[in-house]
Amino acid sequence: MTFSEILLIVGAALVLAGIAAPGWDTARLDRRAVKRRIYWAGTGAGIVVLFLSGLPDLQSALALAAAASVLTLGWAYFRTPNIVIGGRVRSADPTLRDQAP
């Protein structure tokens, strides 16, 4: 197994962990805010690792990062309340469009 294949597996695992990890209440933040931070940290780190797995071929690296970005942004928009802009949740699902905590 090459180093690029290992990075590909690790990157995919980080993206999936960011999507699947649950949120929890803390003293300062509620469960949804913690889940949002876990989602964006996990998927962001996963996208960086996926980009690195495609190197030294820049075209492959950019394609992996772009595909993962489209998938994670699409998932966030259509399935979660994880996109918050200006204190408002941006989501395709009207039931998720309440004020962000």
PDB file of N, CA and C in Angstrom:
ATOM      1  N   MET A   1       0.854  -1.172   0.000  1.00  0.00           N
ATOM      2  CA  MET A   1       0.000   0.000   0.000  1.00  0.00           C
ATOM      3  C   MET A   1       0.904   1.240   0.000  1.00  0.00           C
ATOM      4  N   THR A   2       0.631   2.150  -0.913  1.00  0.00           N
ATOM      5  CA  THR A   2       1.462   3.346  -1.020  1.00  0.00           C
ATOM      6  C   THR A   2       1.011   4.404  -0.020  1.00  0.00           C
ATOM      7  N   PHE A   3       1.865   5.405   0.156  1.00  0.00           N
ATOM      8  CA  PHE A   3       1.550   6.499   1.069  1.00  0.00           C
ATOM      9  C   PHE A   3       0.316   7.263   0.587  1.00  0.00           C
ATOM     10  N   SER A   4       0.171   7.428  -0.715  1.00  0.00           N
ATOM     11  CA  SER A   4      -1.003   8.114  -1.263  1.00  0.00           C
ATOM     12  C   SER A   4      -2.291   7.358  -0.963  1.00  0.00           C
ATOM     13  N   GLU A   5      -2.246   6.039  -1.023  1.00  0.00           N
ATOM     14  CA  GLU A   5      -3.433   5.241  -0.709  1.00  0.00           C
ATOM     15  C   GLU A   5      -3.790   5.360   0.764  1.00  0.00           C
ATOM     16  N   ILE A   6      -2.778   5.389   1.620  1.00  0.00           N
ATOM     17  CA  ILE A   6      -3.024   5.562   3.054  1.00  0.00           C
ATOM     18  C   ILE A   6      -3.666   6.921   3.309  1.00  0.00           C
ATOM     19  N   LEU A   7      -3.133   7.978   2.668  1.00  0.00           N
ATOM     20  CA  LEU A   7      -3.717   9.311   2.829  1.00  0.00           C
ATOM     21  C   LEU A   7      -5.145   9.360   2.300  1.00  0.00           C
ATOM     22  N   LEU A   8      -5.418   8.659   1.223  1.00  0.00           N
ATOM     23  CA  LEU A   8      -6.770   8.610   0.672  1.00  0.00           C
ATOM     24  C   LEU A   8      -7.739   7.985   1.672  1.00  0.00           C
ATOM     25  N   ILE A   9      -7.337   6.898   2.286  1.00  0.00           N
ATOM     26  CA  ILE A   9      -8.182   6.227   3.282  1.00  0.00           C
ATOM     27  C   ILE A   9      -8.377   7.110   4.507  1.00  0.00           C
ATOM     28  N   VAL A  10      -7.293   7.734   4.982  1.00  0.00           N
ATOM     29  CA  VAL A  10      -7.381   8.617   6.156  1.00  0.00           C
ATOM     30  C   VAL A  10      -8.274   9.819   5.846  1.00  0.00           C
ATOM     31  N   GLY A  11      -8.119  10.415   4.673  1.00  0.00           N
ATOM     32  CA  GLY A  11      -8.949  11.557   4.294  1.00  0.00           C
ATOM     33  C   GLY A  11     -10.420  11.200   4.226  1.00  0.00           C
ATOM     34  N   ALA A  12     -10.727  10.066   3.617  1.00  0.00           N
ATOM     35  CA  ALA A  12     -12.123   9.626   3.547  1.00  0.00           C
ATOM     36  C   ALA A  12     -12.677   9.338   4.938  1.00  0.00           C
ATOM     37  N   ALA A  13     -11.851   8.752   5.809  1.00  0.00           N
ATOM     38  CA  ALA A  13     -12.288   8.469   7.179  1.00  0.00           C
ATOM     39  C   ALA A  13     -12.559   9.760   7.946  1.00  0.00           C
ATOM     40  N   LEU A  14     -11.728  10.784   7.750  1.00  0.00           N
ATOM     41  CA  LEU A  14     -11.958  12.067   8.422  1.00  0.00           C
ATOM     42  C   LEU A  14     -13.256  12.716   7.955  1.00  0.00           C
ATOM     43  N   VAL A  15     -13.515  12.679   6.665  1.00  0.00           N
ATOM     44  CA  VAL A  15     -14.760  13.248   6.143  1.00  0.00           C
ATOM     45  C   VAL A  15     -15.960  12.501   6.721  1.00  0.00           C
ATOM     46  N   LEU A  16     -15.919  11.177   6.707  1.00  0.00           N
ATOM     47  CA  LEU A  16     -17.029  10.388   7.253  1.00  0.00           C
ATOM     48  C   LEU A  16     -17.183  10.585   8.755  1.00  0.00           C
ATOM     49  N   ALA A  17     -16.072  10.703   9.473  1.00  0.00           N
ATOM     50  CA  ALA A  17     -16.146  10.947  10.915  1.00  0.00           C
ATOM     51  C   ALA A  17     -16.763  12.311  11.201  1.00  0.00           C
ATOM     52  N   GLY A  18     -16.406  13.311  10.418  1.00  0.00           N
ATOM     53  CA  GLY A  18     -17.005  14.635  10.593  1.00  0.00           C
ATOM     54  C   GLY A  18     -18.499  14.623  10.353  1.00  0.00           C
ATOM     55  N   ILE A  19     -18.933  13.825   9.390  1.00  0.00           N
ATOM     56  CA  ILE A  19     -20.363  13.727   9.091  1.00  0.00           C
ATOM     57  C   ILE A  19     -21.096  12.933  10.171  1.00  0.00           C
ATOM     58  N   ALA A  20     -20.502  11.841  10.630  1.00  0.00           N
ATOM     59  CA  ALA A  20     -21.201  10.906  11.512  1.00  0.00           C
ATOM     60  C   ALA A  20     -21.067  11.204  13.002  1.00  0.00           C
ATOM     61  N   ALA A  21     -20.062  11.960  13.409  1.00  0.00           N
ATOM     62  CA  ALA A  21     -19.840  12.200  14.841  1.00  0.00           C
ATOM     63  C   ALA A  21     -21.001  12.991  15.442  1.00  0.00           C
ATOM     64  N   PRO A  22     -21.451  12.592  16.616  1.00  0.00           N
ATOM     65  CA  PRO A  22     -22.567  13.305  17.244  1.00  0.00           C
ATOM     66  C   PRO A  22     -22.095  14.584  17.932  1.00  0.00           C
ATOM     67  N   GLY A  23     -23.024  15.483  18.170  1.00  0.00           N
ATOM     68  CA  GLY A  23     -22.740  16.673  18.964  1.00  0.00           C
ATOM     69  C   GLY A  23     -23.151  16.437  20.404  1.00  0.00           C
ATOM     70  N   TRP A  24     -22.730  17.312  21.298  1.00  0.00           N
ATOM     71  CA  TRP A  24     -23.099  17.199  22.702  1.00  0.00           C
ATOM     72  C   TRP A  24     -23.150  18.588  23.306  1.00  0.00           C
ATOM     73  N   ASP A  25     -23.891  18.727  24.404  1.00  0.00           N
ATOM     74  CA  ASP A  25     -24.004  20.010  25.092  1.00  0.00           C
ATOM     75  C   ASP A  25     -22.739  20.283  25.892  1.00  0.00           C
ATOM     76  N   THR A  26     -22.316  21.542  25.893  1.00  0.00           N
ATOM     77  CA  THR A  26     -21.206  21.977  26.739  1.00  0.00           C
ATOM     78  C   THR A  26     -21.690  23.154  27.569  1.00  0.00           C
ATOM     79  N   ALA A  27     -20.826  23.664  28.427  1.00  0.00           N
ATOM     80  CA  ALA A  27     -21.208  24.791  29.278  1.00  0.00           C
ATOM     81  C   ALA A  27     -21.477  26.046  28.448  1.00  0.00           C
ATOM     82  N   ARG A  28     -20.773  26.207  27.327  1.00  0.00           N
ATOM     83  CA  ARG A  28     -20.907  27.425  26.531  1.00  0.00           C
ATOM     84  C   ARG A  28     -21.702  27.246  25.246  1.00  0.00           C
ATOM     85  N   LEU A  29     -21.765  26.015  24.727  1.00  0.00           N
ATOM     86  CA  LEU A  29     -22.409  25.780  23.434  1.00  0.00           C
ATOM     87  C   LEU A  29     -23.427  24.653  23.524  1.00  0.00           C
ATOM     88  N   ASP A  30     -24.471  24.768  22.711  1.00  0.00           N
ATOM     89  CA  ASP A  30     -25.441  23.676  22.676  1.00  0.00           C
ATOM     90  C   ASP A  30     -24.981  22.599  21.692  1.00  0.00           C
ATOM     91  N   ARG A  31     -25.739  21.530  21.633  1.00  0.00           N
ATOM     92  CA  ARG A  31     -25.384  20.361  20.830  1.00  0.00           C
ATOM     93  C   ARG A  31     -25.228  20.690  19.345  1.00  0.00           C
ATOM     94  N   ARG A  32     -26.123  21.500  18.797  1.00  0.00           N
ATOM     95  CA  ARG A  32     -26.058  21.826  17.367  1.00  0.00           C
ATOM     96  C   ARG A  32     -24.807  22.624  17.014  1.00  0.00           C
ATOM     97  N   ALA A  33     -24.419  23.548  17.881  1.00  0.00           N
ATOM     98  CA  ALA A  33     -23.209  24.338  17.617  1.00  0.00           C
ATOM     99  C   ALA A  33     -21.962  23.466  17.680  1.00  0.00           C
ATOM    100  N   VAL A  34     -21.923  22.550  18.643  1.00  0.00           N
ATOM    101  CA  VAL A  34     -20.783  21.630  18.740  1.00  0.00           C
ATOM    102  C   VAL A  34     -20.751  20.724  17.516  1.00  0.00           C
ATOM    103  N   LYS A  35     -21.894  20.213  17.100  1.00  0.00           N
ATOM    104  CA  LYS A  35     -21.960  19.344  15.925  1.00  0.00           C
ATOM    105  C   LYS A  35     -21.486  20.078  14.676  1.00  0.00           C
ATOM    106  N   ARG A  36     -21.884  21.347  14.516  1.00  0.00           N
ATOM    107  CA  ARG A  36     -21.426  22.141  13.373  1.00  0.00           C
ATOM    108  C   ARG A  36     -19.907  22.247  13.349  1.00  0.00           C
ATOM    109  N   ARG A  37     -19.318  22.508  14.496  1.00  0.00           N
ATOM    110  CA  ARG A  37     -17.859  22.644  14.567  1.00  0.00           C
ATOM    111  C   ARG A  37     -17.158  21.324  14.279  1.00  0.00           C
ATOM    112  N   ILE A  38     -17.706  20.234  14.786  1.00  0.00           N
ATOM    113  CA  ILE A  38     -17.132  18.910  14.486  1.00  0.00           C
ATOM    114  C   ILE A  38     -17.252  18.620  12.991  1.00  0.00           C
ATOM    115  N   TYR A  39     -18.411  18.918  12.418  1.00  0.00           N
ATOM    116  CA  TYR A  39     -18.640  18.658  10.990  1.00  0.00           C
ATOM    117  C   TYR A  39     -17.626  19.409  10.134  1.00  0.00           C
ATOM    118  N   TRP A  40     -17.501  20.718  10.340  1.00  0.00           N
ATOM    119  CA  TRP A  40     -16.613  21.509   9.494  1.00  0.00           C
ATOM    120  C   TRP A  40     -15.145  21.212   9.764  1.00  0.00           C
ATOM    121  N   ALA A  41     -14.773  20.929  11.003  1.00  0.00           N
ATOM    122  CA  ALA A  41     -13.373  20.574  11.290  1.00  0.00           C
ATOM    123  C   ALA A  41     -13.013  19.227  10.666  1.00  0.00           C
ATOM    124  N   GLY A  42     -13.872  18.233  10.825  1.00  0.00           N
ATOM    125  CA  GLY A  42     -13.606  16.904  10.274  1.00  0.00           C
ATOM    126  C   GLY A  42     -13.585  16.890   8.764  1.00  0.00           C
ATOM    127  N   THR A  43     -14.582  17.526   8.155  1.00  0.00           N
ATOM    128  CA  THR A  43     -14.616  17.522   6.697  1.00  0.00           C
ATOM    129  C   THR A  43     -13.516  18.404   6.114  1.00  0.00           C
ATOM    130  N   GLY A  44     -13.205  19.513   6.766  1.00  0.00           N
ATOM    131  CA  GLY A  44     -12.114  20.370   6.285  1.00  0.00           C
ATOM    132  C   GLY A  44     -10.772  19.665   6.339  1.00  0.00           C
ATOM    133  N   ALA A  45     -10.492  19.008   7.454  1.00  0.00           N
ATOM    134  CA  ALA A  45      -9.239  18.254   7.571  1.00  0.00           C
ATOM    135  C   ALA A  45      -9.209  17.108   6.566  1.00  0.00           C
ATOM    136  N   GLY A  46     -10.334  16.447   6.371  1.00  0.00           N
ATOM    137  CA  GLY A  46     -10.402  15.357   5.404  1.00  0.00           C
ATOM    138  C   GLY A  46     -10.143  15.826   3.984  1.00  0.00           C
ATOM    139  N   ILE A  47     -10.664  16.986   3.627  1.00  0.00           N
ATOM    140  CA  ILE A  47     -10.441  17.525   2.284  1.00  0.00           C
ATOM    141  C   ILE A  47      -8.966  17.857   2.072  1.00  0.00           C
ATOM    142  N   VAL A  48      -8.321  18.416   3.086  1.00  0.00           N
ATOM    143  CA  VAL A  48      -6.884  18.710   2.974  1.00  0.00           C
ATOM    144  C   VAL A  48      -6.090  17.419   2.784  1.00  0.00           C
ATOM    145  N   VAL A  49      -6.409  16.389   3.559  1.00  0.00           N
ATOM    146  CA  VAL A  49      -5.694  15.113   3.435  1.00  0.00           C
ATOM    147  C   VAL A  49      -5.977  14.469   2.074  1.00  0.00           C
ATOM    148  N   LEU A  50      -7.210  14.567   1.589  1.00  0.00           N
ATOM    149  CA  LEU A  50      -7.520  14.043   0.255  1.00  0.00           C
ATOM    150  C   LEU A  50      -6.731  14.786  -0.821  1.00  0.00           C
ATOM    151  N   PHE A  51      -6.588  16.094  -0.668  1.00  0.00           N
ATOM    152  CA  PHE A  51      -5.765  16.860  -1.609  1.00  0.00           C
ATOM    153  C   PHE A  51      -4.326  16.359  -1.590  1.00  0.00           C
ATOM    154  N   LEU A  52      -3.786  16.159  -0.396  1.00  0.00           N
ATOM    155  CA  LEU A  52      -2.408  15.677  -0.277  1.00  0.00           C
ATOM    156  C   LEU A  52      -2.242  14.281  -0.863  1.00  0.00           C
ATOM    157  N   SER A  53      -3.289  13.471  -0.792  1.00  0.00           N
ATOM    158  CA  SER A  53      -3.186  12.111  -1.337  1.00  0.00           C
ATOM    159  C   SER A  53      -3.079  12.113  -2.856  1.00  0.00           C
ATOM    160  N   GLY A  54      -3.546  13.157  -3.502  1.00  0.00           N
ATOM    161  CA  GLY A  54      -3.479  13.240  -4.951  1.00  0.00           C
ATOM    162  C   GLY A  54      -2.164  13.761  -5.491  1.00  0.00           C
ATOM    163  N   LEU A  55      -1.350  14.348  -4.624  1.00  0.00           N
ATOM    164  CA  LEU A  55      -0.060  14.883  -5.065  1.00  0.00           C
ATOM    165  C   LEU A  55       0.886  13.757  -5.404  1.00  0.00           C
ATOM    166  N   PRO A  56       1.822  13.901  -6.284  1.00  0.00           N
ATOM    167  CA  PRO A  56       2.306  15.113  -6.949  1.00  0.00           C
ATOM    168  C   PRO A  56       1.515  15.499  -8.195  1.00  0.00           C
ATOM    169  N   ASP A  57       0.505  14.731  -8.569  1.00  0.00           N
ATOM    170  CA  ASP A  57      -0.321  15.087  -9.722  1.00  0.00           C
ATOM    171  C   ASP A  57      -1.339  16.135  -9.283  1.00  0.00           C
ATOM    172  N   LEU A  58      -1.083  17.389  -9.634  1.00  0.00           N
ATOM    173  CA  LEU A  58      -1.925  18.490  -9.178  1.00  0.00           C
ATOM    174  C   LEU A  58      -3.363  18.354  -9.668  1.00  0.00           C
ATOM    175  N   GLN A  59      -3.551  17.863 -10.868  1.00  0.00           N
ATOM    176  CA  GLN A  59      -4.901  17.701 -11.410  1.00  0.00           C
ATOM    177  C   GLN A  59      -5.711  16.698 -10.584  1.00  0.00           C
ATOM    178  N   SER A  60      -5.104  15.586 -10.208  1.00  0.00           N
ATOM    179  CA  SER A  60      -5.790  14.597  -9.366  1.00  0.00           C
ATOM    180  C   SER A  60      -6.064  15.156  -7.979  1.00  0.00           C
ATOM    181  N   ALA A  61      -5.102  15.878  -7.428  1.00  0.00           N
ATOM    182  CA  ALA A  61      -5.269  16.454  -6.097  1.00  0.00           C
ATOM    183  C   ALA A  61      -6.423  17.449  -6.079  1.00  0.00           C
ATOM    184  N   LEU A  62      -6.478  18.317  -7.079  1.00  0.00           N
ATOM    185  CA  LEU A  62      -7.568  19.291  -7.153  1.00  0.00           C
ATOM    186  C   LEU A  62      -8.915  18.608  -7.394  1.00  0.00           C
ATOM    187  N   ALA A  63      -8.923  17.560  -8.205  1.00  0.00           N
ATOM    188  CA  ALA A  63     -10.172  16.836  -8.467  1.00  0.00           C
ATOM    189  C   ALA A  63     -10.701  16.172  -7.198  1.00  0.00           C
ATOM    190  N   LEU A  64      -9.818  15.544  -6.425  1.00  0.00           N
ATOM    191  CA  LEU A  64     -10.247  14.920  -5.164  1.00  0.00           C
ATOM    192  C   LEU A  64     -10.791  15.962  -4.193  1.00  0.00           C
ATOM    193  N   ALA A  65     -10.068  17.074  -4.047  1.00  0.00           N
ATOM    194  CA  ALA A  65     -10.502  18.119  -3.120  1.00  0.00           C
ATOM    195  C   ALA A  65     -11.818  18.748  -3.579  1.00  0.00           C
ATOM    196  N   ALA A  66     -11.959  18.990  -4.873  1.00  0.00           N
ATOM    197  CA  ALA A  66     -13.192  19.588  -5.388  1.00  0.00           C
ATOM    198  C   ALA A  66     -14.382  18.647  -5.210  1.00  0.00           C
ATOM    199  N   ALA A  67     -14.191  17.377  -5.507  1.00  0.00           N
ATOM    200  CA  ALA A  67     -15.281  16.412  -5.351  1.00  0.00           C
ATOM    201  C   ALA A  67     -15.709  16.304  -3.891  1.00  0.00           C
ATOM    202  N   ALA A  68     -14.746  16.227  -2.986  1.00  0.00           N
ATOM    203  CA  ALA A  68     -15.072  16.139  -1.563  1.00  0.00           C
ATOM    204  C   ALA A  68     -15.748  17.417  -1.079  1.00  0.00           C
ATOM    205  N   SER A  69     -15.319  18.568  -1.581  1.00  0.00           N
ATOM    206  CA  SER A  69     -15.935  19.840  -1.188  1.00  0.00           C
ATOM    207  C   SER A  69     -17.385  19.918  -1.648  1.00  0.00           C
ATOM    208  N   VAL A  70     -17.641  19.526  -2.879  1.00  0.00           N
ATOM    209  CA  VAL A  70     -19.013  19.547  -3.400  1.00  0.00           C
ATOM    210  C   VAL A  70     -19.895  18.595  -2.599  1.00  0.00           C
ATOM    211  N   LEU A  71     -19.382  17.413  -2.304  1.00  0.00           N
ATOM    212  CA  LEU A  71     -20.166  16.443  -1.538  1.00  0.00           C
ATOM    213  C   LEU A  71     -20.459  16.933  -0.125  1.00  0.00           C
ATOM    214  N   THR A  72     -19.465  17.492   0.565  1.00  0.00           N
ATOM    215  CA  THR A  72     -19.695  17.933   1.943  1.00  0.00           C
ATOM    216  C   THR A  72     -20.582  19.176   1.994  1.00  0.00           C
ATOM    217  N   LEU A  73     -20.409  20.103   1.054  1.00  0.00           N
ATOM    218  CA  LEU A  73     -21.288  21.275   1.026  1.00  0.00           C
ATOM    219  C   LEU A  73     -22.718  20.878   0.657  1.00  0.00           C
ATOM    220  N   GLY A  74     -22.853  19.962  -0.289  1.00  0.00           N
ATOM    221  CA  GLY A  74     -24.186  19.476  -0.651  1.00  0.00           C
ATOM    222  C   GLY A  74     -24.865  18.767   0.501  1.00  0.00           C
ATOM    223  N   TRP A  75     -24.116  17.921   1.192  1.00  0.00           N
ATOM    224  CA  TRP A  75     -24.665  17.223   2.357  1.00  0.00           C
ATOM    225  C   TRP A  75     -25.100  18.240   3.418  1.00  0.00           C
ATOM    226  N   ALA A  76     -24.255  19.232   3.676  1.00  0.00           N
ATOM    227  CA  ALA A  76     -24.578  20.234   4.693  1.00  0.00           C
ATOM    228  C   ALA A  76     -25.822  21.028   4.308  1.00  0.00           C
ATOM    229  N   TYR A  77     -25.974  21.372   3.050  1.00  0.00           N
ATOM    230  CA  TYR A  77     -27.117  22.172   2.628  1.00  0.00           C
ATOM    231  C   TYR A  77     -28.412  21.372   2.593  1.00  0.00           C
ATOM    232  N   PHE A  78     -28.362  20.165   2.085  1.00  0.00           N
ATOM    233  CA  PHE A  78     -29.593  19.403   1.888  1.00  0.00           C
ATOM    234  C   PHE A  78     -30.009  18.567   3.091  1.00  0.00           C
ATOM    235  N   ARG A  79     -29.091  18.229   3.997  1.00  0.00           N
ATOM    236  CA  ARG A  79     -29.412  17.277   5.057  1.00  0.00           C
ATOM    237  C   ARG A  79     -29.209  17.789   6.479  1.00  0.00           C
ATOM    238  N   THR A  80     -28.549  18.939   6.669  1.00  0.00           N
ATOM    239  CA  THR A  80     -28.200  19.370   8.022  1.00  0.00           C
ATOM    240  C   THR A  80     -28.453  20.866   8.208  1.00  0.00           C
ATOM    241  N   PRO A  81     -28.436  21.338   9.457  1.00  0.00           N
ATOM    242  CA  PRO A  81     -28.466  22.779   9.728  1.00  0.00           C
ATOM    243  C   PRO A  81     -27.055  23.325   9.960  1.00  0.00           C
ATOM    244  N   ASN A  82     -26.052  22.799   9.254  1.00  0.00           N
ATOM    245  CA  ASN A  82     -24.662  23.142   9.537  1.00  0.00           C
ATOM    246  C   ASN A  82     -24.147  24.371   8.811  1.00  0.00           C
ATOM    247  N   ILE A  83     -24.919  24.951   7.906  1.00  0.00           N
ATOM    248  CA  ILE A  83     -24.480  26.177   7.246  1.00  0.00           C
ATOM    249  C   ILE A  83     -25.191  27.340   7.926  1.00  0.00           C
ATOM    250  N   VAL A  84     -24.424  28.160   8.637  1.00  0.00           N
ATOM    251  CA  VAL A  84     -24.973  29.314   9.341  1.00  0.00           C
ATOM    252  C   VAL A  84     -24.265  30.555   8.813  1.00  0.00           C
ATOM    253  N   ILE A  85     -25.044  31.481   8.256  1.00  0.00           N
ATOM    254  CA  ILE A  85     -24.500  32.732   7.738  1.00  0.00           C
ATOM    255  C   ILE A  85     -25.324  33.861   8.334  1.00  0.00           C
ATOM    256  N   GLY A  86     -24.661  34.778   9.020  1.00  0.00           N
ATOM    257  CA  GLY A  86     -25.364  35.898   9.629  1.00  0.00           C
ATOM    258  C   GLY A  86     -26.348  35.481  10.705  1.00  0.00           C
ATOM    259  N   GLY A  87     -26.050  34.401  11.420  1.00  0.00           N
ATOM    260  CA  GLY A  87     -26.919  33.939  12.483  1.00  0.00           C
ATOM    261  C   GLY A  87     -28.142  33.169  12.007  1.00  0.00           C
ATOM    262  N   ARG A  88     -28.251  32.944  10.707  1.00  0.00           N
ATOM    263  CA  ARG A  88     -29.386  32.202  10.159  1.00  0.00           C
ATOM    264  C   ARG A  88     -28.907  30.912   9.522  1.00  0.00           C
ATOM    265  N   VAL A  89     -29.682  29.868   9.730  1.00  0.00           N
ATOM    266  CA  VAL A  89     -29.366  28.569   9.142  1.00  0.00           C
ATOM    267  C   VAL A  89     -29.781  28.585   7.677  1.00  0.00           C
ATOM    268  N   ARG A  90     -28.868  28.173   6.806  1.00  0.00           N
ATOM    269  CA  ARG A  90     -29.150  28.041   5.375  1.00  0.00           C
ATOM    270  C   ARG A  90     -29.282  26.557   5.073  1.00  0.00           C
ATOM    271  N   SER A  91     -30.476  26.140   4.705  1.00  0.00           N
ATOM    272  CA  SER A  91     -30.733  24.725   4.462  1.00  0.00           C
ATOM    273  C   SER A  91     -31.861  24.577   3.455  1.00  0.00           C
ATOM    274  N   ALA A  92     -31.816  23.497   2.683  1.00  0.00           N
ATOM    275  CA  ALA A  92     -32.890  23.207   1.737  1.00  0.00           C
ATOM    276  C   ALA A  92     -34.147  22.742   2.463  1.00  0.00           C
ATOM    277  N   ASP A  93     -33.989  22.211   3.668  1.00  0.00           N
ATOM    278  CA  ASP A  93     -35.107  21.699   4.453  1.00  0.00           C
ATOM    279  C   ASP A  93     -35.707  22.841   5.280  1.00  0.00           C
ATOM    280  N   PRO A  94     -36.958  23.226   5.020  1.00  0.00           N
ATOM    281  CA  PRO A  94     -37.558  24.347   5.749  1.00  0.00           C
ATOM    282  C   PRO A  94     -37.637  24.126   7.260  1.00  0.00           C
ATOM    283  N   THR A  95     -37.698  22.881   7.706  1.00  0.00           N
ATOM    284  CA  THR A  95     -37.783  22.628   9.146  1.00  0.00           C
ATOM    285  C   THR A  95     -36.466  22.915   9.855  1.00  0.00           C
ATOM    286  N   LEU A  96     -35.379  23.019   9.111  1.00  0.00           N
ATOM    287  CA  LEU A  96     -34.074  23.294   9.716  1.00  0.00           C
ATOM    288  C   LEU A  96     -33.695  24.768   9.672  1.00  0.00           C
ATOM    289  N   ARG A  97     -34.543  25.613   9.107  1.00  0.00           N
ATOM    290  CA  ARG A  97     -34.209  27.017   8.896  1.00  0.00           C
ATOM    291  C   ARG A  97     -34.557  27.919  10.071  1.00  0.00           C
ATOM    292  N   ASP A  98     -34.436  27.454  11.271  1.00  0.00           N
ATOM    293  CA  ASP A  98     -34.695  28.312  12.418  1.00  0.00           C
ATOM    294  C   ASP A  98     -33.444  29.117  12.736  1.00  0.00           C
ATOM    295  N   GLN A  99     -33.533  29.972  13.720  1.00  0.00           N
ATOM    296  CA  GLN A  99     -32.377  30.763  14.128  1.00  0.00           C
ATOM    297  C   GLN A  99     -31.301  29.853  14.685  1.00  0.00           C
ATOM    298  N   ALA A 100     -30.073  30.122  14.333  1.00  0.00           N
ATOM    299  CA  ALA A 100     -28.948  29.323  14.831  1.00  0.00           C
ATOM    300  C   ALA A 100     -28.685  29.670  16.287  1.00  0.00           C
ATOM    301  N   PRO A 101     -28.469  28.664  17.112  1.00  0.00           N
ATOM    302  CA  PRO A 101     -28.162  28.939  18.524  1.00  0.00           C
ATOM    303  C   PRO A 101     -26.757  29.461  18.690  1.00  0.00           C
TER     304      PRO A 101
END
